[in-house]
């Protein structure tokens, strides 16, 4: 079993993986997509995403994110308040 992305997503069964491969082929994108996976992976800016910028023990760079109530929160506002956990995934 392989998870399609998020730990909360249901795992893909082997038949689902085969069906997806048959439907999309080696492109991993719809046929009308202007880019293939190879196009994206060949870009310098994509490869740069795979290089770590922050290492264990480094101070995290400040950033700002939207929150569900419509406001925004900055990491700098949370410093000293305790540990901060970021959770990425789909909640739809």
PDB file of N, CA and C in Angstrom:
ATOM      1  N   UNK A   1       0.834  -1.181   0.000  1.00  0.00           N
ATOM      2  CA  UNK A   1       0.000   0.000   0.000  1.00  0.00           C
ATOM      3  C   UNK A   1       0.879   1.245   0.000  1.00  0.00           C
ATOM      4  N   UNK A   2       0.474   2.248  -0.754  1.00  0.00           N
ATOM      5  CA  UNK A   2       1.190   3.511  -0.843  1.00  0.00           C
ATOM      6  C   UNK A   2       0.209   4.623  -0.563  1.00  0.00           C
ATOM      7  N   UNK A   3       0.584   5.572   0.263  1.00  0.00           N
ATOM      8  CA  UNK A   3      -0.275   6.705   0.559  1.00  0.00           C
ATOM      9  C   UNK A   3      -0.136   7.742  -0.535  1.00  0.00           C
ATOM     10  N   UNK A   4      -1.243   8.319  -1.014  1.00  0.00           N
ATOM     11  CA  UNK A   4      -1.173   9.311  -2.079  1.00  0.00           C
ATOM     12  C   UNK A   4      -0.584  10.642  -1.660  1.00  0.00           C
ATOM     13  N   UNK A   5      -0.310  10.876  -0.409  1.00  0.00           N
ATOM     14  CA  UNK A   5       0.304  12.145  -0.052  1.00  0.00           C
ATOM     15  C   UNK A   5       0.287  12.427   1.426  1.00  0.00           C
ATOM     16  N   UNK A   6      -0.873  12.460   2.007  1.00  0.00           N
ATOM     17  CA  UNK A   6      -1.002  12.845   3.406  1.00  0.00           C
ATOM     18  C   UNK A   6      -1.189  11.622   4.285  1.00  0.00           C
ATOM     19  N   UNK A   7      -0.660  11.653   5.512  1.00  0.00           N
ATOM     20  CA  UNK A   7      -0.857  10.519   6.412  1.00  0.00           C
ATOM     21  C   UNK A   7      -2.331  10.272   6.732  1.00  0.00           C
ATOM     22  N   UNK A   8      -3.189  11.281   6.538  1.00  0.00           N
ATOM     23  CA  UNK A   8      -4.602  11.082   6.827  1.00  0.00           C
ATOM     24  C   UNK A   8      -5.371  10.556   5.621  1.00  0.00           C
ATOM     25  N   UNK A   9      -4.755  10.559   4.430  1.00  0.00           N
ATOM     26  CA  UNK A   9      -5.401  10.000   3.246  1.00  0.00           C
ATOM     27  C   UNK A   9      -5.455   8.486   3.350  1.00  0.00           C
ATOM     28  N   UNK A  10      -6.489   7.910   2.779  1.00  0.00           N
ATOM     29  CA  UNK A  10      -6.564   6.451   2.732  1.00  0.00           C
ATOM     30  C   UNK A  10      -5.459   5.927   1.826  1.00  0.00           C
ATOM     31  N   UNK A  11      -4.801   4.809   2.168  1.00  0.00           N
ATOM     32  CA  UNK A  11      -3.742   4.278   1.315  1.00  0.00           C
ATOM     33  C   UNK A  11      -4.297   3.777  -0.016  1.00  0.00           C
ATOM     34  N   UNK A  12      -3.488   3.861  -1.058  1.00  0.00           N
ATOM     35  CA  UNK A  12      -3.861   3.359  -2.376  1.00  0.00           C
ATOM     36  C   UNK A  12      -3.550   1.881  -2.440  1.00  0.00           C
ATOM     37  N   UNK A  13      -4.494   1.122  -2.923  1.00  0.00           N
ATOM     38  CA  UNK A  13      -4.240  -0.300  -3.108  1.00  0.00           C
ATOM     39  C   UNK A  13      -3.446  -0.501  -4.393  1.00  0.00           C
ATOM     40  N   UNK A  14      -2.894  -1.680  -4.567  1.00  0.00           N
ATOM     41  CA  UNK A  14      -2.145  -1.978  -5.793  1.00  0.00           C
ATOM     42  C   UNK A  14      -3.043  -1.827  -7.020  1.00  0.00           C
ATOM     43  N   UNK A  15      -4.308  -2.320  -7.019  1.00  0.00           N
ATOM     44  CA  UNK A  15      -5.161  -2.098  -8.196  1.00  0.00           C
ATOM     45  C   UNK A  15      -5.380  -0.610  -8.502  1.00  0.00           C
ATOM     46  N   UNK A  16      -5.512   0.231  -7.459  1.00  0.00           N
ATOM     47  CA  UNK A  16      -5.664   1.668  -7.698  1.00  0.00           C
ATOM     48  C   UNK A  16      -4.409   2.243  -8.351  1.00  0.00           C
ATOM     49  N   UNK A  17      -3.232   1.796  -7.913  1.00  0.00           N
ATOM     50  CA  UNK A  17      -1.984   2.279  -8.500  1.00  0.00           C
ATOM     51  C   UNK A  17      -1.890   1.877  -9.970  1.00  0.00           C
ATOM     52  N   UNK A  18      -2.277   0.629 -10.275  1.00  0.00           N
ATOM     53  CA  UNK A  18      -2.234   0.154 -11.669  1.00  0.00           C
ATOM     54  C   UNK A  18      -3.216   0.944 -12.519  1.00  0.00           C
ATOM     55  N   UNK A  19      -4.439   1.165 -12.012  1.00  0.00           N
ATOM     56  CA  UNK A  19      -5.425   1.943 -12.752  1.00  0.00           C
ATOM     57  C   UNK A  19      -4.919   3.357 -13.019  1.00  0.00           C
ATOM     58  N   UNK A  20      -4.311   3.979 -12.034  1.00  0.00           N
ATOM     59  CA  UNK A  20      -3.768   5.322 -12.211  1.00  0.00           C
ATOM     60  C   UNK A  20      -2.666   5.331 -13.263  1.00  0.00           C
ATOM     61  N   UNK A  21      -1.819   4.319 -13.248  1.00  0.00           N
ATOM     62  CA  UNK A  21      -0.744   4.214 -14.246  1.00  0.00           C
ATOM     63  C   UNK A  21      -1.324   4.033 -15.647  1.00  0.00           C
ATOM     64  N   UNK A  22      -2.368   3.210 -15.772  1.00  0.00           N
ATOM     65  CA  UNK A  22      -3.005   3.003 -17.077  1.00  0.00           C
ATOM     66  C   UNK A  22      -3.693   4.271 -17.567  1.00  0.00           C
ATOM     67  N   UNK A  23      -4.324   4.981 -16.650  1.00  0.00           N
ATOM     68  CA  UNK A  23      -5.061   6.187 -17.024  1.00  0.00           C
ATOM     69  C   UNK A  23      -4.131   7.330 -17.418  1.00  0.00           C
ATOM     70  N   UNK A  24      -3.080   7.554 -16.650  1.00  0.00           N
ATOM     71  CA  UNK A  24      -2.198   8.690 -16.901  1.00  0.00           C
ATOM     72  C   UNK A  24      -0.917   8.310 -17.627  1.00  0.00           C
ATOM     73  N   UNK A  25      -0.592   7.033 -17.680  1.00  0.00           N
ATOM     74  CA  UNK A  25       0.648   6.621 -18.317  1.00  0.00           C
ATOM     75  C   UNK A  25       1.842   7.091 -17.512  1.00  0.00           C
ATOM     76  N   UNK A  26       2.954   7.293 -18.163  1.00  0.00           N
ATOM     77  CA  UNK A  26       4.177   7.715 -17.468  1.00  0.00           C
ATOM     78  C   UNK A  26       4.215   9.216 -17.225  1.00  0.00           C
ATOM     79  N   UNK A  27       3.215   9.934 -17.734  1.00  0.00           N
ATOM     80  CA  UNK A  27       3.209  11.385 -17.593  1.00  0.00           C
ATOM     81  C   UNK A  27       2.882  11.819 -16.164  1.00  0.00           C
ATOM     82  N   UNK A  28       2.087  11.055 -15.421  1.00  0.00           N
ATOM     83  CA  UNK A  28       1.639  11.417 -14.081  1.00  0.00           C
ATOM     84  C   UNK A  28       0.872  12.725 -14.077  1.00  0.00           C
ATOM     85  N   UNK A  29       0.256  13.056 -15.199  1.00  0.00           N
ATOM     86  CA  UNK A  29      -0.549  14.269 -15.322  1.00  0.00           C
ATOM     87  C   UNK A  29      -1.574  14.025 -16.429  1.00  0.00           C
ATOM     88  N   UNK A  30      -2.676  14.763 -16.422  1.00  0.00           N
ATOM     89  CA  UNK A  30      -3.650  14.612 -17.506  1.00  0.00           C
ATOM     90  C   UNK A  30      -3.016  14.902 -18.864  1.00  0.00           C
ATOM     91  N   UNK A  31      -3.556  14.288 -19.898  1.00  0.00           N
ATOM     92  CA  UNK A  31      -2.978  14.428 -21.239  1.00  0.00           C
ATOM     93  C   UNK A  31      -2.957  15.871 -21.734  1.00  0.00           C
ATOM     94  N   UNK A  32      -3.895  16.713 -21.285  1.00  0.00           N
ATOM     95  CA  UNK A  32      -3.914  18.103 -21.741  1.00  0.00           C
ATOM     96  C   UNK A  32      -2.984  19.006 -20.933  1.00  0.00           C
ATOM     97  N   UNK A  33      -2.250  18.448 -19.970  1.00  0.00           N
ATOM     98  CA  UNK A  33      -1.320  19.240 -19.177  1.00  0.00           C
ATOM     99  C   UNK A  33      -0.136  19.674 -20.048  1.00  0.00           C
ATOM    100  N   UNK A  34       0.263  20.951 -19.962  1.00  0.00           N
ATOM    101  CA  UNK A  34       1.393  21.410 -20.773  1.00  0.00           C
ATOM    102  C   UNK A  34       2.745  20.896 -20.268  1.00  0.00           C
ATOM    103  N   UNK A  35       2.799  20.408 -19.034  1.00  0.00           N
ATOM    104  CA  UNK A  35       4.058  19.940 -18.462  1.00  0.00           C
ATOM    105  C   UNK A  35       3.985  18.461 -18.128  1.00  0.00           C
ATOM    106  N   UNK A  36       5.099  17.797 -18.265  1.00  0.00           N
ATOM    107  CA  UNK A  36       5.205  16.428 -17.796  1.00  0.00           C
ATOM    108  C   UNK A  36       5.963  16.443 -16.476  1.00  0.00           C
ATOM    109  N   UNK A  37       5.961  15.341 -15.781  1.00  0.00           N
ATOM    110  CA  UNK A  37       6.726  15.235 -14.547  1.00  0.00           C
ATOM    111  C   UNK A  37       8.211  15.470 -14.823  1.00  0.00           C
ATOM    112  N   UNK A  38       8.690  14.963 -15.940  1.00  0.00           N
ATOM    113  CA  UNK A  38      10.101  15.158 -16.304  1.00  0.00           C
ATOM    114  C   UNK A  38      10.415  16.642 -16.506  1.00  0.00           C
ATOM    115  N   UNK A  39       9.474  17.399 -17.107  1.00  0.00           N
ATOM    116  CA  UNK A  39       9.674  18.843 -17.286  1.00  0.00           C
ATOM    117  C   UNK A  39       9.847  19.535 -15.941  1.00  0.00           C
ATOM    118  N   UNK A  40       8.984  19.199 -15.002  1.00  0.00           N
ATOM    119  CA  UNK A  40       9.027  19.838 -13.683  1.00  0.00           C
ATOM    120  C   UNK A  40      10.313  19.458 -12.956  1.00  0.00           C
ATOM    121  N   UNK A  41      10.641  18.167 -12.961  1.00  0.00           N
ATOM    122  CA  UNK A  41      11.818  17.711 -12.222  1.00  0.00           C
ATOM    123  C   UNK A  41      13.124  18.203 -12.820  1.00  0.00           C
ATOM    124  N   UNK A  42      13.117  18.604 -14.080  1.00  0.00           N
ATOM    125  CA  UNK A  42      14.333  19.094 -14.728  1.00  0.00           C
ATOM    126  C   UNK A  42      14.623  20.559 -14.395  1.00  0.00           C
ATOM    127  N   UNK A  43      13.648  21.265 -13.857  1.00  0.00           N
ATOM    128  CA  UNK A  43      13.838  22.689 -13.570  1.00  0.00           C
ATOM    129  C   UNK A  43      14.771  22.895 -12.380  1.00  0.00           C
ATOM    130  N   UNK A  44      15.635  23.898 -12.466  1.00  0.00           N
ATOM    131  CA  UNK A  44      16.567  24.211 -11.385  1.00  0.00           C
ATOM    132  C   UNK A  44      15.841  24.580 -10.101  1.00  0.00           C
ATOM    133  N   UNK A  45      14.735  25.361 -10.219  1.00  0.00           N
ATOM    134  CA  UNK A  45      14.031  25.776  -9.009  1.00  0.00           C
ATOM    135  C   UNK A  45      13.375  24.584  -8.310  1.00  0.00           C
ATOM    136  N   UNK A  46      12.964  23.552  -9.049  1.00  0.00           N
ATOM    137  CA  UNK A  46      12.418  22.353  -8.431  1.00  0.00           C
ATOM    138  C   UNK A  46      13.524  21.585  -7.701  1.00  0.00           C
ATOM    139  N   UNK A  47      14.656  21.421  -8.350  1.00  0.00           N
ATOM    140  CA  UNK A  47      15.770  20.700  -7.713  1.00  0.00           C
ATOM    141  C   UNK A  47      16.257  21.436  -6.471  1.00  0.00           C
ATOM    142  N   UNK A  48      16.161  22.765  -6.481  1.00  0.00           N
ATOM    143  CA  UNK A  48      16.574  23.545  -5.318  1.00  0.00           C
ATOM    144  C   UNK A  48      15.678  23.258  -4.111  1.00  0.00           C
ATOM    145  N   UNK A  49      14.412  22.877  -4.348  1.00  0.00           N
ATOM    146  CA  UNK A  49      13.514  22.545  -3.254  1.00  0.00           C
ATOM    147  C   UNK A  49      13.982  21.318  -2.479  1.00  0.00           C
ATOM    148  N   UNK A  50      14.788  20.470  -3.122  1.00  0.00           N
ATOM    149  CA  UNK A  50      15.255  19.243  -2.486  1.00  0.00           C
ATOM    150  C   UNK A  50      16.491  19.463  -1.615  1.00  0.00           C
ATOM    151  N   UNK A  51      17.029  20.686  -1.617  1.00  0.00           N
ATOM    152  CA  UNK A  51      18.207  20.986  -0.800  1.00  0.00           C
ATOM    153  C   UNK A  51      17.769  21.639   0.506  1.00  0.00           C
ATOM    154  N   UNK A  52      18.184  21.081   1.602  1.00  0.00           N
ATOM    155  CA  UNK A  52      17.791  21.615   2.911  1.00  0.00           C
ATOM    156  C   UNK A  52      18.362  23.021   3.103  1.00  0.00           C
ATOM    157  N   UNK A  53      17.530  23.913   3.602  1.00  0.00           N
ATOM    158  CA  UNK A  53      17.958  25.282   3.891  1.00  0.00           C
ATOM    159  C   UNK A  53      18.098  25.505   5.394  1.00  0.00           C
ATOM    160  N   UNK A  54      17.350  24.737   6.169  1.00  0.00           N
ATOM    161  CA  UNK A  54      17.367  24.847   7.617  1.00  0.00           C
ATOM    162  C   UNK A  54      17.770  23.490   8.163  1.00  0.00           C
ATOM    163  N   UNK A  55      18.693  23.496   9.080  1.00  0.00           N
ATOM    164  CA  UNK A  55      19.182  22.254   9.664  1.00  0.00           C
ATOM    165  C   UNK A  55      18.758  22.181  11.125  1.00  0.00           C
ATOM    166  N   UNK A  56      18.827  20.997  11.694  1.00  0.00           N
ATOM    167  CA  UNK A  56      18.464  20.807  13.090  1.00  0.00           C
ATOM    168  C   UNK A  56      19.284  21.748  13.966  1.00  0.00           C
ATOM    169  N   UNK A  57      18.592  22.455  14.828  1.00  0.00           N
ATOM    170  CA  UNK A  57      19.245  23.394  15.731  1.00  0.00           C
ATOM    171  C   UNK A  57      19.260  24.821  15.214  1.00  0.00           C
ATOM    172  N   UNK A  58      19.020  25.036  13.912  1.00  0.00           N
ATOM    173  CA  UNK A  58      18.956  26.392  13.359  1.00  0.00           C
ATOM    174  C   UNK A  58      17.671  27.080  13.817  1.00  0.00           C
ATOM    175  N   UNK A  59      17.727  28.397  13.896  1.00  0.00           N
ATOM    176  CA  UNK A  59      16.526  29.173  14.168  1.00  0.00           C
ATOM    177  C   UNK A  59      15.710  29.198  12.877  1.00  0.00           C
ATOM    178  N   UNK A  60      14.447  28.868  12.972  1.00  0.00           N
ATOM    179  CA  UNK A  60      13.580  28.836  11.794  1.00  0.00           C
ATOM    180  C   UNK A  60      13.393  30.243  11.241  1.00  0.00           C
ATOM    181  N   UNK A  61      13.398  30.401   9.926  1.00  0.00           N
ATOM    182  CA  UNK A  61      13.153  31.718   9.346  1.00  0.00           C
ATOM    183  C   UNK A  61      11.703  32.143   9.601  1.00  0.00           C
ATOM    184  N   UNK A  62      11.487  33.437   9.761  1.00  0.00           N
ATOM    185  CA  UNK A  62      10.137  33.940  10.006  1.00  0.00           C
ATOM    186  C   UNK A  62       9.288  33.765   8.762  1.00  0.00           C
ATOM    187  N   UNK A  63       8.011  33.484   8.957  1.00  0.00           N
ATOM    188  CA  UNK A  63       7.055  33.397   7.850  1.00  0.00           C
ATOM    189  C   UNK A  63       5.678  33.734   8.390  1.00  0.00           C
ATOM    190  N   UNK A  64       4.754  33.974   7.467  1.00  0.00           N
ATOM    191  CA  UNK A  64       3.385  34.333   7.819  1.00  0.00           C
ATOM    192  C   UNK A  64       2.438  33.422   7.060  1.00  0.00           C
ATOM    193  N   UNK A  65       1.395  32.933   7.738  1.00  0.00           N
ATOM    194  CA  UNK A  65       0.422  32.034   7.126  1.00  0.00           C
ATOM    195  C   UNK A  65      -0.992  32.492   7.456  1.00  0.00           C
ATOM    196  N   UNK A  66      -1.953  32.234   6.546  1.00  0.00           N
ATOM    197  CA  UNK A  66      -3.352  32.537   6.866  1.00  0.00           C
ATOM    198  C   UNK A  66      -3.897  31.515   7.864  1.00  0.00           C
ATOM    199  N   UNK A  67      -4.850  31.929   8.669  1.00  0.00           N
ATOM    200  CA  UNK A  67      -5.518  31.021   9.604  1.00  0.00           C
ATOM    201  C   UNK A  67      -6.989  30.914   9.211  1.00  0.00           C
ATOM    202  N   UNK A  68      -7.668  29.908   9.732  1.00  0.00           N
ATOM    203  CA  UNK A  68      -9.031  29.612   9.312  1.00  0.00           C
ATOM    204  C   UNK A  68     -10.018  30.740   9.556  1.00  0.00           C
ATOM    205  N   UNK A  69      -9.807  31.568  10.568  1.00  0.00           N
ATOM    206  CA  UNK A  69     -10.772  32.645  10.859  1.00  0.00           C
ATOM    207  C   UNK A  69     -10.579  33.862   9.961  1.00  0.00           C
ATOM    208  N   UNK A  70      -9.662  33.774   8.999  1.00  0.00           N
ATOM    209  CA  UNK A  70      -9.440  34.880   8.072  1.00  0.00           C
ATOM    210  C   UNK A  70      -8.257  35.752   8.432  1.00  0.00           C
ATOM    211  N   UNK A  71      -7.702  35.585   9.613  1.00  0.00           N
ATOM    212  CA  UNK A  71      -6.542  36.370  10.018  1.00  0.00           C
ATOM    213  C   UNK A  71      -5.245  35.771   9.498  1.00  0.00           C
ATOM    214  N   UNK A  72      -4.150  36.237  10.048  1.00  0.00           N
ATOM    215  CA  UNK A  72      -2.833  35.725   9.681  1.00  0.00           C
ATOM    216  C   UNK A  72      -2.019  35.544  10.954  1.00  0.00           C
ATOM    217  N   UNK A  73      -1.064  34.652  10.916  1.00  0.00           N
ATOM    218  CA  UNK A  73      -0.192  34.425  12.064  1.00  0.00           C
ATOM    219  C   UNK A  73       1.251  34.380  11.574  1.00  0.00           C
ATOM    220  N   UNK A  74       2.151  34.987  12.357  1.00  0.00           N
ATOM    221  CA  UNK A  74       3.580  34.981  12.033  1.00  0.00           C
ATOM    222  C   UNK A  74       4.310  34.109  13.039  1.00  0.00           C
ATOM    223  N   UNK A  75       5.325  33.422  12.569  1.00  0.00           N
ATOM    224  CA  UNK A  75       6.126  32.590  13.466  1.00  0.00           C
ATOM    225  C   UNK A  75       6.752  33.441  14.563  1.00  0.00           C
ATOM    226  N   UNK A  76       7.204  34.635  14.219  1.00  0.00           N
ATOM    227  CA  UNK A  76       7.852  35.513  15.204  1.00  0.00           C
ATOM    228  C   UNK A  76       6.921  35.815  16.377  1.00  0.00           C
ATOM    229  N   UNK A  77       5.603  35.849  16.127  1.00  0.00           N
ATOM    230  CA  UNK A  77       4.647  36.119  17.207  1.00  0.00           C
ATOM    231  C   UNK A  77       4.535  34.946  18.181  1.00  0.00           C
ATOM    232  N   UNK A  78       4.957  33.753  17.752  1.00  0.00           N
ATOM    233  CA  UNK A  78       4.824  32.549  18.576  1.00  0.00           C
ATOM    234  C   UNK A  78       6.119  32.159  19.282  1.00  0.00           C
ATOM    235  N   UNK A  79       7.226  32.831  18.948  1.00  0.00           N
ATOM    236  CA  UNK A  79       8.516  32.490  19.572  1.00  0.00           C
ATOM    237  C   UNK A  79       8.449  32.691  21.073  1.00  0.00           C
ATOM    238  N   UNK A  80       8.985  31.737  21.806  1.00  0.00           N
ATOM    239  CA  UNK A  80       8.997  31.805  23.260  1.00  0.00           C
ATOM    240  C   UNK A  80       7.720  31.300  23.911  1.00  0.00           C
ATOM    241  N   UNK A  81       6.685  31.030  23.113  1.00  0.00           N
ATOM    242  CA  UNK A  81       5.418  30.561  23.671  1.00  0.00           C
ATOM    243  C   UNK A  81       5.396  29.044  23.827  1.00  0.00           C
ATOM    244  N   UNK A  82       6.382  28.345  23.286  1.00  0.00           N
ATOM    245  CA  UNK A  82       6.424  26.883  23.343  1.00  0.00           C
ATOM    246  C   UNK A  82       6.659  26.317  21.957  1.00  0.00           C
ATOM    247  N   UNK A  83       6.637  25.000  21.845  1.00  0.00           N
ATOM    248  CA  UNK A  83       6.872  24.380  20.534  1.00  0.00           C
ATOM    249  C   UNK A  83       5.781  24.750  19.533  1.00  0.00           C
ATOM    250  N   UNK A  84       6.157  24.820  18.277  1.00  0.00           N
ATOM    251  CA  UNK A  84       5.215  25.107  17.184  1.00  0.00           C
ATOM    252  C   UNK A  84       5.257  23.930  16.223  1.00  0.00           C
ATOM    253  N   UNK A  85       4.093  23.400  15.870  1.00  0.00           N
ATOM    254  CA  UNK A  85       4.015  22.288  14.916  1.00  0.00           C
ATOM    255  C   UNK A  85       3.244  22.762  13.690  1.00  0.00           C
ATOM    256  N   UNK A  86       3.798  22.509  12.511  1.00  0.00           N
ATOM    257  CA  UNK A  86       3.116  22.798  11.257  1.00  0.00           C
ATOM    258  C   UNK A  86       2.574  21.493  10.714  1.00  0.00           C
ATOM    259  N   UNK A  87       1.313  21.483  10.342  1.00  0.00           N
ATOM    260  CA  UNK A  87       0.693  20.292   9.784  1.00  0.00           C
ATOM    261  C   UNK A  87       0.207  20.636   8.394  1.00  0.00           C
ATOM    262  N   UNK A  88       0.727  19.930   7.393  1.00  0.00           N
ATOM    263  CA  UNK A  88       0.329  20.157   6.011  1.00  0.00           C
ATOM    264  C   UNK A  88      -0.514  18.986   5.558  1.00  0.00           C
ATOM    265  N   UNK A  89      -1.597  19.264   4.889  1.00  0.00           N
ATOM    266  CA  UNK A  89      -2.451  18.208   4.386  1.00  0.00           C
ATOM    267  C   UNK A  89      -3.788  18.761   3.976  1.00  0.00           C
ATOM    268  N   UNK A  90      -4.625  17.925   3.456  1.00  0.00           N
ATOM    269  CA  UNK A  90      -5.935  18.323   2.985  1.00  0.00           C
ATOM    270  C   UNK A  90      -6.966  18.053   4.062  1.00  0.00           C
ATOM    271  N   UNK A  91      -7.782  19.027   4.329  1.00  0.00           N
ATOM    272  CA  UNK A  91      -8.859  18.861   5.295  1.00  0.00           C
ATOM    273  C   UNK A  91     -10.203  19.043   4.620  1.00  0.00           C
ATOM    274  N   UNK A  92     -10.274  18.732   3.327  1.00  0.00           N
ATOM    275  CA  UNK A  92     -11.536  18.891   2.590  1.00  0.00           C
ATOM    276  C   UNK A  92     -12.280  17.586   2.526  1.00  0.00           C
TER     277      UNK A  92
END
